Amino acid sequence: MGCESSKVQATESATVQISRYQEFLQRCAPSISLISDKEAAACLDMWVDSFQADPPNPMFLWIVKDERLSKEEQRRRLMLQLRYMLDYVARPLKQYGATLVIRDDSGAIQAAAGLYMPGTCKAPGAMSNLMVVGLPPVVKYAPRWGTLGWKKLDSLKAVDRAKADLLKEVGPSWYLQLLGVKPGLQKAGYGRRLLEAICAFSDEQQMPTLLDCETEWHENYYGRFGFRTGRMAGLLGSSQGCFKFQDELRCCLPKQTALAP
């Protein structure tokens, strides 16, 4: 069945927006569904495993980097921080977002994408707040490192400003905060299926989906689905380059979108 176009109003209630997403998935991408409340913990575990299997995130590495420590110790602290940060990001999704999942025949989550609803991710400070919440377990075990980390957090203000400016420019939009695939299944098309569904929903609703990325590989990957860089923010003192915010171009060009089975 074709996906008919309709304009979404930003003032719609959370219940209406979630119901709209659920109806779309049932109609256009039946192999993908919304997460249930009882699956939240399992989904978080999958996300943590997914991020550990991927090459370490450049921003996380930059924040936790300390030349006085061994690579093994830096990696341990990175993973400790990662769980706290992902938990902080995932919790509000229950009330202010939608989490799309792909399950296997037993019902186990294989891949998931967490998106914040329009109007819930517009205040500056989200990125630096995220880092602050992720710091406690690291600071607890390494007080001296904590001072270094707090100084680095100042540079994240530029990231927050870039994010706020882009959100103001594009107006109401969904925000893709998390996307992860279970280790062993990565590069098998699960992420592609989720992104195709997300982009098709943007097409149908004529509302953009935003995301952010830090590496050229990710920028090129998301570009395959129609994303382009809308804002760039430099991390002061970082050798990793710029933090990039991308927006979905197809939001204003509704069209029939073929989804993978």
Foldseek 3Di string as FASTA:
>chain_A
DFQAADADDQPDDPVVVLVVLQVLCVVAPVQKHWDDPVCLVLQLVQQLQQCLVDDHAQVLCVLQDDVVDDPVVSSVLSSQLVSQLSVVVSVCCVPFWTKMFGADPVRRTFKIWIKGFWPPPQAFDPVLVSNVRSCVVVCVVPVVSVVVNVVLSVLCSQVSVQRNVVCVVQDTAMETEGIGGGPPCPPVCPSVLVLLSVLLVLLRNLHKYKYKGQDPVVQVVVVVSAKDFDGWGARPPRPSGIITMIMHPNSNPRDGGHGDD
